[in-house]
C-alpha cells in the first residue's frame, strides 16, 4: 500500500449546484477524471466522486457532490449542504437566465451551511461553456461580474469549459486552498469550525490508494 493509503486523510466535501444543463456533471468529470462526454444525462438526485489534492505538504480527499438541478430538488440541496465545506455554483455563460438563478442556489446553500463563526462556506461562481461562445473576445463585463459576486457573496467568478478544461484546475485550486486556509485559521484560533454533529475534517485512513479510479455515487450521471 502506498503513502496515500497509509496516511490519515483530511476529507473535504464540496457540493456542485446549478440549473440542469449548465454542465455540472461534465465539470466534475473533467476535474476528477479528465474526461468529457458529449452525451448529456441529467442527474436524478446526486452523485459523488473524489480526488486526492495536495496542498501545503498534506493530502486531502476532495469529495465533489453533483446535485440535481431541478427546482423541485431544492430540498435535496439543503440536505446535502449541511455537512459541506464549500460550494460551486454553475451557470451557462450563453444563457443569462442561469446567472440570475445562480443567486437562488447560492442563497439556498447559505441558509443551510455556515461555520460557527457565522461566515458562509466558501463558494465560487462558474460560468461554464465558454467554448460555445459566438464571440470569443467578449470579456462579459468583468467589473459587472465582480460586483455581482460581491453582492451575492461569491468569492470569485471563473469562466470555464468542461469540454476543453479551460480554467477548471484554476477554479478548483482556488476554492480548495481557500477552504483549507479558512478551516486552519478557525482551528488555530480555538474555534471548532462546525457544530458537534457535523463531520470532522480529519477522518480515518483511506483504504483507497488511487486519485480517481474508484468513485461511488447514487443516481445517474
C-alpha atoms as a PDB file:
ATOM      1  CA  UNK A   1       0.000   0.000   0.000  1.00  0.00           C
ATOM      2  CA  UNK A   2       1.382   3.415  -0.930  1.00  0.00           C
ATOM      3  CA  UNK A   3       1.648   6.525   1.235  1.00  0.00           C
ATOM      4  CA  UNK A   4      -1.824   7.719   0.255  1.00  0.00           C
ATOM      5  CA  UNK A   5      -3.365   4.563   1.662  1.00  0.00           C
ATOM      6  CA  UNK A   6      -1.360   4.691   4.893  1.00  0.00           C
ATOM      7  CA  UNK A   7      -1.702   8.286   5.960  1.00  0.00           C
ATOM      8  CA  UNK A   8      -4.601   9.867   7.833  1.00  0.00           C
ATOM      9  CA  UNK A   9      -6.773  11.761   5.409  1.00  0.00           C
ATOM     10  CA  UNK A  10      -8.280  15.196   5.560  1.00  0.00           C
ATOM     11  CA  UNK A  11     -11.599  14.955   3.759  1.00  0.00           C
ATOM     12  CA  UNK A  12     -13.467  17.908   2.300  1.00  0.00           C
ATOM     13  CA  UNK A  13     -16.949  17.824   0.830  1.00  0.00           C
ATOM     14  CA  UNK A  14     -17.775  20.313  -1.910  1.00  0.00           C
ATOM     15  CA  UNK A  15     -21.259  20.493  -3.406  1.00  0.00           C
ATOM     16  CA  UNK A  16     -21.828  21.391  -7.063  1.00  0.00           C
ATOM     17  CA  UNK A  17     -25.171  23.061  -7.745  1.00  0.00           C
ATOM     18  CA  UNK A  18     -26.887  24.963 -10.528  1.00  0.00           C
ATOM     19  CA  UNK A  19     -29.614  24.548 -13.106  1.00  0.00           C
ATOM     20  CA  UNK A  20     -29.874  21.395 -15.156  1.00  0.00           C
ATOM     21  CA  UNK A  21     -27.897  21.703 -18.378  1.00  0.00           C
ATOM     22  CA  UNK A  22     -25.228  24.085 -17.099  1.00  0.00           C
ATOM     23  CA  UNK A  23     -22.610  21.323 -17.200  1.00  0.00           C
ATOM     24  CA  UNK A  24     -22.237  20.324 -13.546  1.00  0.00           C
ATOM     25  CA  UNK A  25     -21.553  16.646 -14.228  1.00  0.00           C
ATOM     26  CA  UNK A  26     -19.186  17.466 -17.080  1.00  0.00           C
ATOM     27  CA  UNK A  27     -17.333  19.933 -14.851  1.00  0.00           C
ATOM     28  CA  UNK A  28     -16.925  17.299 -12.143  1.00  0.00           C
ATOM     29  CA  UNK A  29     -15.828  14.592 -14.566  1.00  0.00           C
ATOM     30  CA  UNK A  30     -13.289  16.889 -16.197  1.00  0.00           C
ATOM     31  CA  UNK A  31     -11.617  17.705 -12.883  1.00  0.00           C
ATOM     32  CA  UNK A  32     -11.864  14.222 -11.391  1.00  0.00           C
ATOM     33  CA  UNK A  33     -11.106  12.056 -14.425  1.00  0.00           C
ATOM     34  CA  UNK A  34     -10.028  14.427 -17.177  1.00  0.00           C
ATOM     35  CA  UNK A  35     -12.856  13.204 -19.420  1.00  0.00           C
ATOM     36  CA  UNK A  36     -15.717  14.820 -21.320  1.00  0.00           C
ATOM     37  CA  UNK A  37     -18.821  13.074 -22.658  1.00  0.00           C
ATOM     38  CA  UNK A  38     -20.913  14.730 -25.373  1.00  0.00           C
ATOM     39  CA  UNK A  39     -23.926  12.620 -24.372  1.00  0.00           C
ATOM     40  CA  UNK A  40     -25.833  14.522 -21.676  1.00  0.00           C
ATOM     41  CA  UNK A  41     -27.762  12.743 -18.928  1.00  0.00           C
ATOM     42  CA  UNK A  42     -29.460  14.730 -16.174  1.00  0.00           C
ATOM     43  CA  UNK A  43     -28.534  13.859 -12.588  1.00  0.00           C
ATOM     44  CA  UNK A  44     -31.592  12.455 -10.827  1.00  0.00           C
ATOM     45  CA  UNK A  45     -30.703  13.110  -7.181  1.00  0.00           C
ATOM     46  CA  UNK A  46     -26.974  13.258  -6.507  1.00  0.00           C
ATOM     47  CA  UNK A  47     -23.702  11.652  -7.414  1.00  0.00           C
ATOM     48  CA  UNK A  48     -20.332  11.964  -5.772  1.00  0.00           C
ATOM     49  CA  UNK A  49     -16.771  11.214  -6.754  1.00  0.00           C
ATOM     50  CA  UNK A  50     -13.432  12.095  -5.242  1.00  0.00           C
ATOM     51  CA  UNK A  51      -9.862  13.046  -5.984  1.00  0.00           C
ATOM     52  CA  UNK A  52      -6.733  13.416  -3.856  1.00  0.00           C
ATOM     53  CA  UNK A  53      -5.485  17.010  -3.671  1.00  0.00           C
ATOM     54  CA  UNK A  54      -2.083  18.007  -2.287  1.00  0.00           C
ATOM     55  CA  UNK A  55      -1.691  21.344  -0.524  1.00  0.00           C
ATOM     56  CA  UNK A  56       0.982  22.587   1.866  1.00  0.00           C
ATOM     57  CA  UNK A  57       2.635  19.164   2.158  1.00  0.00           C
ATOM     58  CA  UNK A  58      -0.657  17.475   3.089  1.00  0.00           C
ATOM     59  CA  UNK A  59      -3.014  15.264   1.112  1.00  0.00           C
ATOM     60  CA  UNK A  60      -6.749  15.915   1.121  1.00  0.00           C
ATOM     61  CA  UNK A  61      -9.547  13.707  -0.131  1.00  0.00           C
ATOM     62  CA  UNK A  62     -11.877  16.024  -2.044  1.00  0.00           C
ATOM     63  CA  UNK A  63     -15.448  14.808  -2.480  1.00  0.00           C
ATOM     64  CA  UNK A  64     -17.441  16.547  -5.202  1.00  0.00           C
ATOM     65  CA  UNK A  65     -21.200  16.103  -4.831  1.00  0.00           C
ATOM     66  CA  UNK A  66     -23.046  16.741  -8.087  1.00  0.00           C
ATOM     67  CA  UNK A  67     -26.619  17.643  -7.093  1.00  0.00           C
ATOM     68  CA  UNK A  68     -29.686  17.544  -9.330  1.00  0.00           C
ATOM     69  CA  UNK A  69     -30.503  20.895 -10.896  1.00  0.00           C
ATOM     70  CA  UNK A  70     -34.290  20.914 -10.970  1.00  0.00           C
ATOM     71  CA  UNK A  71     -36.309  23.367  -8.868  1.00  0.00           C
ATOM     72  CA  UNK A  72     -38.106  20.556  -7.062  1.00  0.00           C
ATOM     73  CA  UNK A  73     -34.755  19.358  -5.737  1.00  0.00           C
ATOM     74  CA  UNK A  74     -34.048  22.476  -3.653  1.00  0.00           C
ATOM     75  CA  UNK A  75     -34.810  20.408  -0.554  1.00  0.00           C
ATOM     76  CA  UNK A  76     -32.179  17.900  -1.706  1.00  0.00           C
ATOM     77  CA  UNK A  77     -29.678  20.745  -1.928  1.00  0.00           C
ATOM     78  CA  UNK A  78     -30.431  21.788   1.647  1.00  0.00           C
ATOM     79  CA  UNK A  79     -29.919  18.236   2.919  1.00  0.00           C
ATOM     80  CA  UNK A  80     -26.550  17.786   1.206  1.00  0.00           C
ATOM     81  CA  UNK A  81     -25.371  21.294   2.089  1.00  0.00           C
ATOM     82  CA  UNK A  82     -25.436  20.672   5.834  1.00  0.00           C
ATOM     83  CA  UNK A  83     -22.070  18.916   6.120  1.00  0.00           C
ATOM     84  CA  UNK A  84     -20.326  20.550   3.167  1.00  0.00           C
ATOM     85  CA  UNK A  85     -17.137  22.598   3.349  1.00  0.00           C
ATOM     86  CA  UNK A  86     -17.509  24.520   0.100  1.00  0.00           C
ATOM     87  CA  UNK A  87     -19.796  25.148  -2.857  1.00  0.00           C
ATOM     88  CA  UNK A  88     -19.558  25.539  -6.627  1.00  0.00           C
ATOM     89  CA  UNK A  89     -22.493  27.184  -8.418  1.00  0.00           C
ATOM     90  CA  UNK A  90     -22.591  26.636 -12.167  1.00  0.00           C
ATOM     91  CA  UNK A  91     -24.251  28.808 -14.785  1.00  0.00           C
ATOM     92  CA  UNK A  92     -24.174  28.689 -18.577  1.00  0.00           C
ATOM     93  CA  UNK A  93     -22.351  31.733 -19.935  1.00  0.00           C
ATOM     94  CA  UNK A  94     -24.541  31.537 -23.048  1.00  0.00           C
ATOM     95  CA  UNK A  95     -27.787  31.616 -21.048  1.00  0.00           C
ATOM     96  CA  UNK A  96     -28.128  34.742 -18.894  1.00  0.00           C
ATOM     97  CA  UNK A  97     -31.155  33.335 -17.079  1.00  0.00           C
ATOM     98  CA  UNK A  98     -28.903  30.756 -15.391  1.00  0.00           C
ATOM     99  CA  UNK A  99     -26.759  33.557 -14.000  1.00  0.00           C
ATOM    100  CA  UNK A 100     -29.784  35.146 -12.366  1.00  0.00           C
ATOM    101  CA  UNK A 101     -30.908  31.786 -10.976  1.00  0.00           C
ATOM    102  CA  UNK A 102     -27.436  31.183  -9.549  1.00  0.00           C
ATOM    103  CA  UNK A 103     -28.388  33.678  -6.817  1.00  0.00           C
ATOM    104  CA  UNK A 104     -31.159  31.321  -5.710  1.00  0.00           C
ATOM    105  CA  UNK A 105     -28.798  28.350  -5.500  1.00  0.00           C
ATOM    106  CA  UNK A 106     -26.261  30.377  -3.530  1.00  0.00           C
ATOM    107  CA  UNK A 107     -28.942  31.637  -1.140  1.00  0.00           C
ATOM    108  CA  UNK A 108     -30.205  28.093  -0.542  1.00  0.00           C
ATOM    109  CA  UNK A 109     -26.720  26.908   0.405  1.00  0.00           C
ATOM    110  CA  UNK A 110     -26.087  29.930   2.634  1.00  0.00           C
ATOM    111  CA  UNK A 111     -29.286  29.239   4.557  1.00  0.00           C
ATOM    112  CA  UNK A 112     -28.067  25.751   5.393  1.00  0.00           C
ATOM    113  CA  UNK A 113     -24.262  25.687   5.710  1.00  0.00           C
ATOM    114  CA  UNK A 114     -22.244  28.040   7.903  1.00  0.00           C
ATOM    115  CA  UNK A 115     -19.144  27.900  10.057  1.00  0.00           C
ATOM    116  CA  UNK A 116     -19.513  28.503  13.792  1.00  0.00           C
ATOM    117  CA  UNK A 117     -18.048  31.987  13.411  1.00  0.00           C
ATOM    118  CA  UNK A 118     -21.152  32.847  11.381  1.00  0.00           C
ATOM    119  CA  UNK A 119     -19.473  33.007   7.985  1.00  0.00           C
ATOM    120  CA  UNK A 120     -20.734  31.204   4.897  1.00  0.00           C
ATOM    121  CA  UNK A 121     -18.859  28.252   3.481  1.00  0.00           C
ATOM    122  CA  UNK A 122     -16.563  29.349   0.619  1.00  0.00           C
ATOM    123  CA  UNK A 123     -18.427  29.470  -2.696  1.00  0.00           C
ATOM    124  CA  UNK A 124     -17.386  30.270  -6.245  1.00  0.00           C
ATOM    125  CA  UNK A 125     -19.418  31.047  -9.350  1.00  0.00           C
ATOM    126  CA  UNK A 126     -18.658  29.129 -12.539  1.00  0.00           C
ATOM    127  CA  UNK A 127     -19.717  30.498 -15.916  1.00  0.00           C
ATOM    128  CA  UNK A 128     -19.363  27.363 -17.995  1.00  0.00           C
ATOM    129  CA  UNK A 129     -19.367  26.544 -21.732  1.00  0.00           C
ATOM    130  CA  UNK A 130     -17.083  29.319 -22.937  1.00  0.00           C
ATOM    131  CA  UNK A 131     -16.165  27.014 -25.835  1.00  0.00           C
ATOM    132  CA  UNK A 132     -19.664  27.653 -27.211  1.00  0.00           C
ATOM    133  CA  UNK A 133     -19.463  31.449 -27.110  1.00  0.00           C
ATOM    134  CA  UNK A 134     -20.005  33.049 -30.506  1.00  0.00           C
ATOM    135  CA  UNK A 135     -17.753  35.989 -29.682  1.00  0.00           C
ATOM    136  CA  UNK A 136     -14.580  34.723 -28.019  1.00  0.00           C
ATOM    137  CA  UNK A 137     -13.346  38.278 -27.482  1.00  0.00           C
ATOM    138  CA  UNK A 138     -16.325  39.107 -25.275  1.00  0.00           C
ATOM    139  CA  UNK A 139     -14.964  39.951 -21.805  1.00  0.00           C
ATOM    140  CA  UNK A 140     -18.505  39.714 -20.427  1.00  0.00           C
ATOM    141  CA  UNK A 141     -18.139  42.912 -18.420  1.00  0.00           C
ATOM    142  CA  UNK A 142     -15.595  41.876 -15.778  1.00  0.00           C
ATOM    143  CA  UNK A 143     -16.452  44.770 -13.466  1.00  0.00           C
ATOM    144  CA  UNK A 144     -20.135  43.865 -13.594  1.00  0.00           C
ATOM    145  CA  UNK A 145     -19.339  40.243 -12.685  1.00  0.00           C
ATOM    146  CA  UNK A 146     -17.070  41.361  -9.859  1.00  0.00           C
ATOM    147  CA  UNK A 147     -19.934  43.441  -8.484  1.00  0.00           C
ATOM    148  CA  UNK A 148     -22.325  40.504  -8.936  1.00  0.00           C
ATOM    149  CA  UNK A 149     -20.034  38.253  -6.893  1.00  0.00           C
ATOM    150  CA  UNK A 150     -19.635  40.818  -4.119  1.00  0.00           C
ATOM    151  CA  UNK A 151     -23.379  41.363  -3.817  1.00  0.00           C
ATOM    152  CA  UNK A 152     -24.144  37.646  -3.758  1.00  0.00           C
ATOM    153  CA  UNK A 153     -21.164  36.607  -1.603  1.00  0.00           C
ATOM    154  CA  UNK A 154     -19.292  34.571  -4.189  1.00  0.00           C
ATOM    155  CA  UNK A 155     -15.541  34.618  -3.614  1.00  0.00           C
ATOM    156  CA  UNK A 156     -14.764  34.732  -7.322  1.00  0.00           C
ATOM    157  CA  UNK A 157     -16.155  34.019 -10.760  1.00  0.00           C
ATOM    158  CA  UNK A 158     -14.397  31.731 -13.234  1.00  0.00           C
ATOM    159  CA  UNK A 159     -15.171  31.257 -16.920  1.00  0.00           C
ATOM    160  CA  UNK A 160     -14.676  27.618 -17.778  1.00  0.00           C
ATOM    161  CA  UNK A 161     -15.134  24.951 -20.400  1.00  0.00           C
ATOM    162  CA  UNK A 162     -15.821  21.426 -19.222  1.00  0.00           C
ATOM    163  CA  UNK A 163     -15.063  20.299 -22.768  1.00  0.00           C
ATOM    164  CA  UNK A 164     -11.593  21.813 -23.118  1.00  0.00           C
ATOM    165  CA  UNK A 165     -10.779  22.035 -19.408  1.00  0.00           C
ATOM    166  CA  UNK A 166     -10.173  25.786 -19.546  1.00  0.00           C
ATOM    167  CA  UNK A 167      -9.838  27.298 -16.034  1.00  0.00           C
ATOM    168  CA  UNK A 168     -11.214  24.234 -14.242  1.00  0.00           C
ATOM    169  CA  UNK A 169      -7.980  23.467 -12.381  1.00  0.00           C
ATOM    170  CA  UNK A 170      -7.563  27.152 -11.559  1.00  0.00           C
ATOM    171  CA  UNK A 171     -11.082  27.336 -10.109  1.00  0.00           C
ATOM    172  CA  UNK A 172     -10.680  24.167  -8.050  1.00  0.00           C
ATOM    173  CA  UNK A 173      -7.223  25.116  -6.765  1.00  0.00           C
ATOM    174  CA  UNK A 174      -8.543  28.468  -5.617  1.00  0.00           C
ATOM    175  CA  UNK A 175     -11.625  27.068  -3.877  1.00  0.00           C
ATOM    176  CA  UNK A 176      -9.911  24.164  -2.129  1.00  0.00           C
ATOM    177  CA  UNK A 177      -6.976  26.231  -0.879  1.00  0.00           C
ATOM    178  CA  UNK A 178      -9.435  28.857   0.419  1.00  0.00           C
ATOM    179  CA  UNK A 179     -11.420  26.205   2.307  1.00  0.00           C
ATOM    180  CA  UNK A 180      -8.305  24.696   3.875  1.00  0.00           C
ATOM    181  CA  UNK A 181      -6.870  28.076   4.887  1.00  0.00           C
ATOM    182  CA  UNK A 182     -10.205  29.111   6.397  1.00  0.00           C
ATOM    183  CA  UNK A 183     -10.589  25.950   8.439  1.00  0.00           C
ATOM    184  CA  UNK A 184      -6.989  26.007   9.637  1.00  0.00           C
ATOM    185  CA  UNK A 185      -7.392  29.625  10.750  1.00  0.00           C
ATOM    186  CA  UNK A 186     -10.507  28.713  12.738  1.00  0.00           C
ATOM    187  CA  UNK A 187      -8.797  25.766  14.407  1.00  0.00           C
ATOM    188  CA  UNK A 188      -5.741  27.874  15.302  1.00  0.00           C
ATOM    189  CA  UNK A 189      -7.998  30.497  16.865  1.00  0.00           C
ATOM    190  CA  UNK A 190      -9.537  27.828  19.066  1.00  0.00           C
ATOM    191  CA  UNK A 191     -12.833  27.707  17.185  1.00  0.00           C
ATOM    192  CA  UNK A 192     -14.284  24.384  16.107  1.00  0.00           C
ATOM    193  CA  UNK A 193     -15.391  25.083  12.507  1.00  0.00           C
ATOM    194  CA  UNK A 194     -18.632  23.134  12.742  1.00  0.00           C
ATOM    195  CA  UNK A 195     -21.362  22.057  15.099  1.00  0.00           C
ATOM    196  CA  UNK A 196     -20.690  18.878  17.080  1.00  0.00           C
ATOM    197  CA  UNK A 197     -22.988  16.809  14.886  1.00  0.00           C
ATOM    198  CA  UNK A 198     -21.095  17.741  11.724  1.00  0.00           C
ATOM    199  CA  UNK A 199     -18.280  15.731  10.260  1.00  0.00           C
ATOM    200  CA  UNK A 200     -14.769  16.422  11.471  1.00  0.00           C
ATOM    201  CA  UNK A 201     -12.257  17.499   8.884  1.00  0.00           C
ATOM    202  CA  UNK A 202      -9.896  14.710   9.950  1.00  0.00           C
ATOM    203  CA  UNK A 203     -11.050  11.199   9.144  1.00  0.00           C
ATOM    204  CA  UNK A 204      -9.586   7.734   9.435  1.00  0.00           C
ATOM    205  CA  UNK A 205      -7.063   6.446   6.949  1.00  0.00           C
ATOM    206  CA  UNK A 206      -8.446   5.971   3.481  1.00  0.00           C
ATOM    207  CA  UNK A 207      -8.451   2.476   2.008  1.00  0.00           C
ATOM    208  CA  UNK A 208      -8.204   3.924  -1.483  1.00  0.00           C
ATOM    209  CA  UNK A 209      -4.761   4.499  -2.926  1.00  0.00           C
ATOM    210  CA  UNK A 210      -5.591   5.999  -6.292  1.00  0.00           C
ATOM    211  CA  UNK A 211      -6.693   9.512  -7.077  1.00  0.00           C
ATOM    212  CA  UNK A 212      -9.673   8.931  -9.296  1.00  0.00           C
ATOM    213  CA  UNK A 213     -10.174   5.319 -10.306  1.00  0.00           C
ATOM    214  CA  UNK A 214     -12.695   4.423  -7.625  1.00  0.00           C
ATOM    215  CA  UNK A 215     -15.819   6.542  -7.364  1.00  0.00           C
ATOM    216  CA  UNK A 216     -19.072   5.966  -5.530  1.00  0.00           C
ATOM    217  CA  UNK A 217     -22.440   7.576  -6.175  1.00  0.00           C
ATOM    218  CA  UNK A 218     -26.146   7.354  -6.499  1.00  0.00           C
ATOM    219  CA  UNK A 219     -28.445   8.491  -9.214  1.00  0.00           C
ATOM    220  CA  UNK A 220     -27.494   8.714 -12.864  1.00  0.00           C
ATOM    221  CA  UNK A 221     -24.568  10.672 -14.236  1.00  0.00           C
END
